[in-house]
Amino acid sequence: TFNGIQPKDLYGMTRAGFSGTGKLNRKDFGMVWNK
């Protein structure tokens, strides 16, 4: 999600915020160690 814009922070800069999630299988990248 795009959480919005803060056009002026305490230092006069414009900020934007995002939240995100995802998934991956580590074995797809060759990370196979386990017990």
PDB file of all heavy atoms in Angstrom:
ATOM      1  N   THR A   1       0.839  -1.190   0.000  1.00  0.00           N
ATOM      2  CA  THR A   1       0.000   0.000   0.000  1.00  0.00           C
ATOM      3  C   THR A   1       0.878   1.244   0.000  1.00  0.00           C
ATOM      4  O   THR A   1       1.994   1.242   0.521  1.00  0.00           O
ATOM      5  CB  THR A   1      -0.906   0.040   1.243  1.00  0.00           C
ATOM      6  OG1 THR A   1      -0.094  -0.029   2.427  1.00  0.00           O
ATOM      7  CG2 THR A   1      -1.890  -1.105   1.237  1.00  0.00           C
ATOM      8  N   PHE A   2       0.352   2.286  -0.617  1.00  0.00           N
ATOM      9  CA  PHE A   2       0.982   3.606  -0.584  1.00  0.00           C
ATOM     10  C   PHE A   2       0.332   4.354   0.571  1.00  0.00           C
ATOM     11  O   PHE A   2      -0.860   4.633   0.554  1.00  0.00           O
ATOM     12  CB  PHE A   2       0.753   4.299  -1.920  1.00  0.00           C
ATOM     13  CG  PHE A   2       1.168   5.742  -1.954  1.00  0.00           C
ATOM     14  CD1 PHE A   2       2.342   6.164  -1.357  1.00  0.00           C
ATOM     15  CD2 PHE A   2       0.386   6.673  -2.612  1.00  0.00           C
ATOM     16  CE1 PHE A   2       2.723   7.495  -1.391  1.00  0.00           C
ATOM     17  CE2 PHE A   2       0.757   8.005  -2.666  1.00  0.00           C
ATOM     18  CZ  PHE A   2       1.931   8.420  -2.060  1.00  0.00           C
ATOM     19  N   ASN A   3       1.127   4.673   1.587  1.00  0.00           N
ATOM     20  CA  ASN A   3       0.567   5.229   2.818  1.00  0.00           C
ATOM     21  C   ASN A   3       0.394   6.742   2.799  1.00  0.00           C
ATOM     22  O   ASN A   3      -0.142   7.308   3.750  1.00  0.00           O
ATOM     23  CB  ASN A   3       1.440   4.832   4.012  1.00  0.00           C
ATOM     24  CG  ASN A   3       1.518   3.334   4.182  1.00  0.00           C
ATOM     25  OD1 ASN A   3       0.577   2.620   3.870  1.00  0.00           O
ATOM     26  ND2 ASN A   3       2.653   2.840   4.660  1.00  0.00           N
ATOM     27  N   GLY A   4       0.854   7.376   1.725  1.00  0.00           N
ATOM     28  CA  GLY A   4       0.632   8.806   1.600  1.00  0.00           C
ATOM     29  C   GLY A   4       1.902   9.629   1.563  1.00  0.00           C
ATOM     30  O   GLY A   4       3.015   9.115   1.618  1.00  0.00           O
ATOM     31  N   ILE A   5       1.695  10.938   1.463  1.00  0.00           N
ATOM     32  CA  ILE A   5       2.780  11.920   1.325  1.00  0.00           C
ATOM     33  C   ILE A   5       2.740  12.884   2.505  1.00  0.00           C
ATOM     34  O   ILE A   5       1.671  13.342   2.917  1.00  0.00           O
ATOM     35  CB  ILE A   5       2.638  12.718   0.018  1.00  0.00           C
ATOM     36  CG1 ILE A   5       2.879  11.812  -1.193  1.00  0.00           C
ATOM     37  CG2 ILE A   5       3.589  13.904  -0.006  1.00  0.00           C
ATOM     38  CD1 ILE A   5       4.318  11.475  -1.436  1.00  0.00           C
ATOM     39  N   GLN A   6       3.906  13.186   3.042  1.00  0.00           N
ATOM     40  CA  GLN A   6       4.060  14.271   4.004  1.00  0.00           C
ATOM     41  C   GLN A   6       4.846  15.370   3.279  1.00  0.00           C
ATOM     42  O   GLN A   6       6.053  15.251   3.068  1.00  0.00           O
ATOM     43  CB  GLN A   6       4.811  13.793   5.246  1.00  0.00           C
ATOM     44  CG  GLN A   6       5.168  14.895   6.246  1.00  0.00           C
ATOM     45  CD  GLN A   6       3.972  15.706   6.667  1.00  0.00           C
ATOM     46  OE1 GLN A   6       3.821  16.853   6.251  1.00  0.00           O
ATOM     47  NE2 GLN A   6       3.103  15.111   7.491  1.00  0.00           N
ATOM     48  N   PRO A   7       4.161  16.445   2.831  1.00  0.00           N
ATOM     49  CA  PRO A   7       4.826  17.424   1.968  1.00  0.00           C
ATOM     50  C   PRO A   7       5.925  18.232   2.642  1.00  0.00           C
ATOM     51  O   PRO A   7       6.778  18.799   1.957  1.00  0.00           O
ATOM     52  CB  PRO A   7       3.680  18.329   1.517  1.00  0.00           C
ATOM     53  CG  PRO A   7       2.627  18.163   2.572  1.00  0.00           C
ATOM     54  CD  PRO A   7       2.744  16.752   3.047  1.00  0.00           C
ATOM     55  N   LYS A   8       5.937  18.258   3.972  1.00  0.00           N
ATOM     56  CA  LYS A   8       6.969  19.050   4.634  1.00  0.00           C
ATOM     57  C   LYS A   8       7.230  18.479   6.020  1.00  0.00           C
ATOM     58  O   LYS A   8       6.396  18.598   6.918  1.00  0.00           O
ATOM     59  CB  LYS A   8       6.545  20.519   4.732  1.00  0.00           C
ATOM     60  CG  LYS A   8       7.652  21.443   5.203  1.00  0.00           C
ATOM     61  CD  LYS A   8       7.209  22.891   5.145  1.00  0.00           C
ATOM     62  CE  LYS A   8       8.345  23.833   5.550  1.00  0.00           C
ATOM     63  NZ  LYS A   8       7.938  25.257   5.494  1.00  0.00           N
ATOM     64  N   ASP A   9       8.402  17.843   6.199  1.00  0.00           N
ATOM     65  CA  ASP A   9       8.750  17.320   7.516  1.00  0.00           C
ATOM     66  C   ASP A   9       9.433  18.407   8.339  1.00  0.00           C
ATOM     67  O   ASP A   9       9.406  19.592   7.973  1.00  0.00           O
ATOM     68  CB  ASP A   9       9.623  16.068   7.392  1.00  0.00           C
ATOM     69  CG  ASP A   9      11.003  16.354   6.803  1.00  0.00           C
ATOM     70  OD1 ASP A   9      11.353  17.549   6.590  1.00  0.00           O
ATOM     71  OD2 ASP A   9      11.753  15.392   6.538  1.00  0.00           O
ATOM     72  N   LEU A  10      10.039  18.038   9.434  1.00  0.00           N
ATOM     73  CA  LEU A  10      10.667  19.028  10.316  1.00  0.00           C
ATOM     74  C   LEU A  10      11.822  19.763   9.657  1.00  0.00           C
ATOM     75  O   LEU A  10      12.235  20.828  10.113  1.00  0.00           O
ATOM     76  CB  LEU A  10      11.158  18.332  11.595  1.00  0.00           C
ATOM     77  CG  LEU A  10      10.064  17.682  12.462  1.00  0.00           C
ATOM     78  CD1 LEU A  10      10.695  16.930  13.625  1.00  0.00           C
ATOM     79  CD2 LEU A  10       9.075  18.722  12.957  1.00  0.00           C
ATOM     80  N   TYR A  11      12.348  19.180   8.566  1.00  0.00           N
ATOM     81  CA  TYR A  11      13.477  19.788   7.873  1.00  0.00           C
ATOM     82  C   TYR A  11      13.091  20.315   6.495  1.00  0.00           C
ATOM     83  O   TYR A  11      13.945  20.642   5.674  1.00  0.00           O
ATOM     84  CB  TYR A  11      14.617  18.769   7.741  1.00  0.00           C
ATOM     85  CG  TYR A  11      15.039  18.206   9.081  1.00  0.00           C
ATOM     86  CD1 TYR A  11      14.547  16.980   9.515  1.00  0.00           C
ATOM     87  CD2 TYR A  11      15.892  18.909   9.928  1.00  0.00           C
ATOM     88  CE1 TYR A  11      14.911  16.459  10.754  1.00  0.00           C
ATOM     89  CE2 TYR A  11      16.259  18.399  11.163  1.00  0.00           C
ATOM     90  CZ  TYR A  11      15.766  17.176  11.573  1.00  0.00           C
ATOM     91  OH  TYR A  11      16.117  16.669  12.803  1.00  0.00           O
ATOM     92  N   GLY A  12      11.792  20.377   6.225  1.00  0.00           N
ATOM     93  CA  GLY A  12      11.315  20.928   4.969  1.00  0.00           C
ATOM     94  C   GLY A  12      11.348  19.959   3.805  1.00  0.00           C
ATOM     95  O   GLY A  12      11.174  20.373   2.655  1.00  0.00           O
ATOM     96  N   MET A  13      11.563  18.664   4.072  1.00  0.00           N
ATOM     97  CA  MET A  13      11.635  17.683   3.000  1.00  0.00           C
ATOM     98  C   MET A  13      10.304  16.960   2.828  1.00  0.00           C
ATOM     99  O   MET A  13       9.537  16.815   3.776  1.00  0.00           O
ATOM    100  CB  MET A  13      12.750  16.675   3.283  1.00  0.00           C
ATOM    101  CG  MET A  13      14.144  17.287   3.287  1.00  0.00           C
ATOM    102  SD  MET A  13      15.465  16.076   3.509  1.00  0.00           S
ATOM    103  CE  MET A  13      15.205  15.593   5.223  1.00  0.00           C
ATOM    104  N   THR A  14      10.055  16.501   1.604  1.00  0.00           N
ATOM    105  CA  THR A  14       8.842  15.749   1.295  1.00  0.00           C
ATOM    106  C   THR A  14       9.101  14.259   1.469  1.00  0.00           C
ATOM    107  O   THR A  14      10.090  13.730   0.960  1.00  0.00           O
ATOM    108  CB  THR A  14       8.388  16.021  -0.148  1.00  0.00           C
ATOM    109  OG1 THR A  14       8.158  17.425  -0.312  1.00  0.00           O
ATOM    110  CG2 THR A  14       7.112  15.264  -0.473  1.00  0.00           C
ATOM    111  N   ARG A  15       8.209  13.588   2.185  1.00  0.00           N
ATOM    112  CA  ARG A  15       8.376  12.161   2.466  1.00  0.00           C
ATOM    113  C   ARG A  15       7.171  11.373   1.958  1.00  0.00           C
ATOM    114  O   ARG A  15       6.057  11.897   1.878  1.00  0.00           O
ATOM    115  CB  ARG A  15       8.541  11.910   3.967  1.00  0.00           C
ATOM    116  CG  ARG A  15       9.853  12.440   4.533  1.00  0.00           C
ATOM    117  CD  ARG A  15       9.982  12.195   6.021  1.00  0.00           C
ATOM    118  NE  ARG A  15      11.285  12.624   6.511  1.00  0.00           N
ATOM    119  CZ  ARG A  15      12.340  11.834   6.629  1.00  0.00           C
ATOM    120  NH1 ARG A  15      12.231  10.544   6.314  1.00  0.00           N
ATOM    121  NH2 ARG A  15      13.489  12.291   7.067  1.00  0.00           N
ATOM    122  N   ALA A  16       7.430  10.108   1.633  1.00  0.00           N
ATOM    123  CA  ALA A  16       6.376   9.181   1.221  1.00  0.00           C
ATOM    124  C   ALA A  16       6.558   7.868   1.962  1.00  0.00           C
ATOM    125  O   ALA A  16       7.687   7.500   2.310  1.00  0.00           O
ATOM    126  CB  ALA A  16       6.425   8.945  -0.286  1.00  0.00           C
ATOM    127  N   GLY A  17       5.458   7.161   2.202  1.00  0.00           N
ATOM    128  CA  GLY A  17       5.530   5.908   2.955  1.00  0.00           C
ATOM    129  C   GLY A  17       4.826   4.769   2.245  1.00  0.00           C
ATOM    130  O   GLY A  17       3.788   4.958   1.595  1.00  0.00           O
ATOM    131  N   PHE A  18       5.403   3.577   2.380  1.00  0.00           N
ATOM    132  CA  PHE A  18       4.845   2.368   1.772  1.00  0.00           C
ATOM    133  C   PHE A  18       4.942   1.215   2.765  1.00  0.00           C
ATOM    134  O   PHE A  18       5.871   1.158   3.572  1.00  0.00           O
ATOM    135  CB  PHE A  18       5.618   1.967   0.511  1.00  0.00           C
ATOM    136  CG  PHE A  18       5.622   2.995  -0.574  1.00  0.00           C
ATOM    137  CD1 PHE A  18       6.535   4.043  -0.560  1.00  0.00           C
ATOM    138  CD2 PHE A  18       4.704   2.930  -1.608  1.00  0.00           C
ATOM    139  CE1 PHE A  18       6.544   4.997  -1.555  1.00  0.00           C
ATOM    140  CE2 PHE A  18       4.704   3.876  -2.614  1.00  0.00           C
ATOM    141  CZ  PHE A  18       5.623   4.912  -2.590  1.00  0.00           C
ATOM    142  N   SER A  19       3.990   0.286   2.681  1.00  0.00           N
ATOM    143  CA  SER A  19       4.067  -0.972   3.411  1.00  0.00           C
ATOM    144  C   SER A  19       3.924  -2.099   2.397  1.00  0.00           C
ATOM    145  O   SER A  19       3.129  -1.983   1.453  1.00  0.00           O
ATOM    146  CB  SER A  19       2.949  -1.079   4.457  1.00  0.00           C
ATOM    147  OG  SER A  19       3.063  -0.055   5.427  1.00  0.00           O
ATOM    148  N   GLY A  20       4.694  -3.174   2.586  1.00  0.00           N
ATOM    149  CA  GLY A  20       4.629  -4.258   1.622  1.00  0.00           C
ATOM    150  C   GLY A  20       4.949  -5.610   2.232  1.00  0.00           C
ATOM    151  O   GLY A  20       5.614  -5.707   3.268  1.00  0.00           O
ATOM    152  N   THR A  21       4.454  -6.644   1.584  1.00  0.00           N
ATOM    153  CA  THR A  21       4.747  -8.012   1.989  1.00  0.00           C
ATOM    154  C   THR A  21       4.982  -8.862   0.744  1.00  0.00           C
ATOM    155  O   THR A  21       4.577  -8.499  -0.366  1.00  0.00           O
ATOM    156  CB  THR A  21       3.581  -8.633   2.799  1.00  0.00           C
ATOM    157  OG1 THR A  21       2.398  -8.605   2.002  1.00  0.00           O
ATOM    158  CG2 THR A  21       3.359  -7.879   4.101  1.00  0.00           C
ATOM    159  N   GLY A  22       5.622  -9.991   0.942  1.00  0.00           N
ATOM    160  CA  GLY A  22       5.852 -10.924  -0.146  1.00  0.00           C
ATOM    161  C   GLY A  22       6.318 -12.260   0.399  1.00  0.00           C
ATOM    162  O   GLY A  22       6.482 -12.424   1.614  1.00  0.00           O
ATOM    163  N   LYS A  23       6.536 -13.215  -0.491  1.00  0.00           N
ATOM    164  CA  LYS A  23       7.008 -14.537  -0.088  1.00  0.00           C
ATOM    165  C   LYS A  23       8.005 -15.048  -1.120  1.00  0.00           C
ATOM    166  O   LYS A  23       7.931 -14.703  -2.304  1.00  0.00           O
ATOM    167  CB  LYS A  23       5.842 -15.528   0.027  1.00  0.00           C
ATOM    168  CG  LYS A  23       4.878 -15.229   1.162  1.00  0.00           C
ATOM    169  CD  LYS A  23       3.765 -16.273   1.213  1.00  0.00           C
ATOM    170  CE  LYS A  23       2.782 -15.972   2.350  1.00  0.00           C
ATOM    171  NZ  LYS A  23       1.690 -16.979   2.413  1.00  0.00           N
ATOM    172  N   LEU A  24       8.924 -15.870  -0.653  1.00  0.00           N
ATOM    173  CA  LEU A  24       9.829 -16.558  -1.560  1.00  0.00           C
ATOM    174  C   LEU A  24      10.210 -17.899  -0.942  1.00  0.00           C
ATOM    175  O   LEU A  24      10.094 -18.102   0.271  1.00  0.00           O
ATOM    176  CB  LEU A  24      11.074 -15.715  -1.858  1.00  0.00           C
ATOM    177  CG  LEU A  24      12.004 -15.341  -0.687  1.00  0.00           C
ATOM    178  CD1 LEU A  24      13.018 -16.440  -0.390  1.00  0.00           C
ATOM    179  CD2 LEU A  24      12.742 -14.049  -1.023  1.00  0.00           C
ATOM    180  N   ASN A  25      10.651 -18.796  -1.793  1.00  0.00           N
ATOM    181  CA  ASN A  25      11.176 -20.068  -1.334  1.00  0.00           C
ATOM    182  C   ASN A  25      12.694 -19.996  -1.408  1.00  0.00           C
ATOM    183  O   ASN A  25      13.264 -19.814  -2.496  1.00  0.00           O
ATOM    184  CB  ASN A  25      10.659 -21.212  -2.203  1.00  0.00           C
ATOM    185  CG  ASN A  25      10.985 -22.582  -1.621  1.00  0.00           C
ATOM    186  OD1 ASN A  25      12.124 -22.853  -1.224  1.00  0.00           O
ATOM    187  ND2 ASN A  25      10.002 -23.464  -1.581  1.00  0.00           N
ATOM    188  N   ARG A  26      13.355 -20.111  -0.267  1.00  0.00           N
ATOM    189  CA  ARG A  26      14.806 -19.926  -0.232  1.00  0.00           C
ATOM    190  C   ARG A  26      15.533 -20.975  -1.077  1.00  0.00           C
ATOM    191  O   ARG A  26      16.621 -20.713  -1.613  1.00  0.00           O
ATOM    192  CB  ARG A  26      15.313 -19.940   1.214  1.00  0.00           C
ATOM    193  CG  ARG A  26      15.103 -21.236   1.963  1.00  0.00           C
ATOM    194  CD  ARG A  26      15.420 -21.083   3.445  1.00  0.00           C
ATOM    195  NE  ARG A  26      15.263 -22.344   4.175  1.00  0.00           N
ATOM    196  CZ  ARG A  26      16.230 -23.227   4.369  1.00  0.00           C
ATOM    197  NH1 ARG A  26      17.451 -22.990   3.877  1.00  0.00           N
ATOM    198  NH2 ARG A  26      16.023 -24.331   5.053  1.00  0.00           N
ATOM    199  N   LYS A  27      14.919 -22.169  -1.251  1.00  0.00           N
ATOM    200  CA  LYS A  27      15.554 -23.203  -2.060  1.00  0.00           C
ATOM    201  C   LYS A  27      15.645 -22.799  -3.533  1.00  0.00           C
ATOM    202  O   LYS A  27      16.512 -23.281  -4.258  1.00  0.00           O
ATOM    203  CB  LYS A  27      14.794 -24.518  -1.924  1.00  0.00           C
ATOM    204  CG  LYS A  27      15.030 -25.227  -0.599  1.00  0.00           C
ATOM    205  CD  LYS A  27      14.349 -26.592  -0.583  1.00  0.00           C
ATOM    206  CE  LYS A  27      14.691 -27.359   0.693  1.00  0.00           C
ATOM    207  NZ  LYS A  27      14.018 -28.686   0.730  1.00  0.00           N
ATOM    208  N   ASP A  28      14.738 -21.916  -3.966  1.00  0.00           N
ATOM    209  CA  ASP A  28      14.793 -21.438  -5.345  1.00  0.00           C
ATOM    210  C   ASP A  28      16.101 -20.698  -5.634  1.00  0.00           C
ATOM    211  O   ASP A  28      16.514 -20.588  -6.792  1.00  0.00           O
ATOM    212  CB  ASP A  28      13.615 -20.500  -5.635  1.00  0.00           C
ATOM    213  CG  ASP A  28      12.289 -21.241  -5.693  1.00  0.00           C
ATOM    214  OD1 ASP A  28      12.302 -22.479  -5.827  1.00  0.00           O
ATOM    215  OD2 ASP A  28      11.240 -20.572  -5.602  1.00  0.00           O
ATOM    216  N   PHE A  29      16.733 -20.195  -4.583  1.00  0.00           N
ATOM    217  CA  PHE A  29      17.984 -19.450  -4.738  1.00  0.00           C
ATOM    218  C   PHE A  29      19.198 -20.287  -4.330  1.00  0.00           C
ATOM    219  O   PHE A  29      20.312 -19.760  -4.221  1.00  0.00           O
ATOM    220  CB  PHE A  29      17.926 -18.161  -3.912  1.00  0.00           C
ATOM    221  CG  PHE A  29      16.835 -17.222  -4.365  1.00  0.00           C
ATOM    222  CD1 PHE A  29      15.548 -17.325  -3.853  1.00  0.00           C
ATOM    223  CD2 PHE A  29      17.095 -16.256  -5.322  1.00  0.00           C
ATOM    224  CE1 PHE A  29      14.540 -16.483  -4.279  1.00  0.00           C
ATOM    225  CE2 PHE A  29      16.103 -15.401  -5.751  1.00  0.00           C
ATOM    226  CZ  PHE A  29      14.814 -15.517  -5.230  1.00  0.00           C
ATOM    227  N   GLY A  30      18.980 -21.567  -4.082  1.00  0.00           N
ATOM    228  CA  GLY A  30      20.077 -22.455  -3.720  1.00  0.00           C
ATOM    229  C   GLY A  30      20.420 -22.462  -2.246  1.00  0.00           C
ATOM    230  O   GLY A  30      21.454 -23.005  -1.848  1.00  0.00           O
ATOM    231  N   MET A  31      19.546 -21.888  -1.419  1.00  0.00           N
ATOM    232  CA  MET A  31      19.766 -21.862   0.030  1.00  0.00           C
ATOM    233  C   MET A  31      19.073 -23.083   0.632  1.00  0.00           C
ATOM    234  O   MET A  31      17.918 -23.022   1.046  1.00  0.00           O
ATOM    235  CB  MET A  31      19.208 -20.561   0.616  1.00  0.00           C
ATOM    236  CG  MET A  31      19.669 -20.281   2.035  1.00  0.00           C
ATOM    237  SD  MET A  31      18.947 -18.729   2.698  1.00  0.00           S
ATOM    238  CE  MET A  31      19.743 -17.496   1.661  1.00  0.00           C
ATOM    239  N   VAL A  32      19.781 -24.193   0.687  1.00  0.00           N
ATOM    240  CA  VAL A  32      19.121 -25.474   0.970  1.00  0.00           C
ATOM    241  C   VAL A  32      19.455 -26.067   2.343  1.00  0.00           C
ATOM    242  O   VAL A  32      18.904 -27.108   2.713  1.00  0.00           O
ATOM    243  CB  VAL A  32      19.489 -26.512  -0.121  1.00  0.00           C
ATOM    244  CG1 VAL A  32      18.977 -26.049  -1.476  1.00  0.00           C
ATOM    245  CG2 VAL A  32      20.996 -26.755  -0.170  1.00  0.00           C
ATOM    246  N   TRP A  33      20.342 -25.441   3.111  1.00  0.00           N
ATOM    247  CA  TRP A  33      20.744 -26.026   4.391  1.00  0.00           C
ATOM    248  C   TRP A  33      19.535 -26.266   5.297  1.00  0.00           C
ATOM    249  O   TRP A  33      18.628 -25.440   5.391  1.00  0.00           O
ATOM    250  CB  TRP A  33      21.725 -25.122   5.116  1.00  0.00           C
ATOM    251  CG  TRP A  33      22.230 -25.714   6.407  1.00  0.00           C
ATOM    252  CD1 TRP A  33      23.351 -26.457   6.586  1.00  0.00           C
ATOM    253  CD2 TRP A  33      21.608 -25.618   7.703  1.00  0.00           C
ATOM    254  NE1 TRP A  33      23.467 -26.844   7.904  1.00  0.00           N
ATOM    255  CE2 TRP A  33      22.417 -26.343   8.613  1.00  0.00           C
ATOM    256  CE3 TRP A  33      20.459 -24.995   8.178  1.00  0.00           C
ATOM    257  CZ2 TRP A  33      22.109 -26.457   9.966  1.00  0.00           C
ATOM    258  CZ3 TRP A  33      20.134 -25.114   9.529  1.00  0.00           C
ATOM    259  CH2 TRP A  33      20.962 -25.839  10.409  1.00  0.00           C
ATOM    260  N   ASN A  34      19.546 -27.417   5.994  1.00  0.00           N
ATOM    261  CA  ASN A  34      18.488 -27.710   6.958  1.00  0.00           C
ATOM    262  C   ASN A  34      18.908 -28.876   7.831  1.00  0.00           C
ATOM    263  O   ASN A  34      19.929 -29.534   7.569  1.00  0.00           O
ATOM    264  CB  ASN A  34      17.170 -28.040   6.258  1.00  0.00           C
ATOM    265  CG  ASN A  34      15.989 -27.383   6.948  1.00  0.00           C
ATOM    266  OD1 ASN A  34      15.968 -27.254   8.172  1.00  0.00           O
ATOM    267  ND2 ASN A  34      14.997 -26.972   6.170  1.00  0.00           N
ATOM    268  N   LYS A  35      18.129 -29.137   8.869  1.00  0.00           N
ATOM    269  CA  LYS A  35      18.305 -30.315   9.715  1.00  0.00           C
ATOM    270  C   LYS A  35      16.941 -30.907  10.017  1.00  0.00           C
ATOM    271  O   LYS A  35      15.975 -30.177  10.259  1.00  0.00           O
ATOM    272  CB  LYS A  35      19.025 -29.955  11.020  1.00  0.00           C
ATOM    273  CG  LYS A  35      20.521 -29.771  10.854  1.00  0.00           C
ATOM    274  CD  LYS A  35      21.214 -29.669  12.202  1.00  0.00           C
ATOM    275  CE  LYS A  35      22.734 -29.603  12.050  1.00  0.00           C
ATOM    276  NZ  LYS A  35      23.416 -29.550  13.368  1.00  0.00           N
TER     277      LYS A  35
END
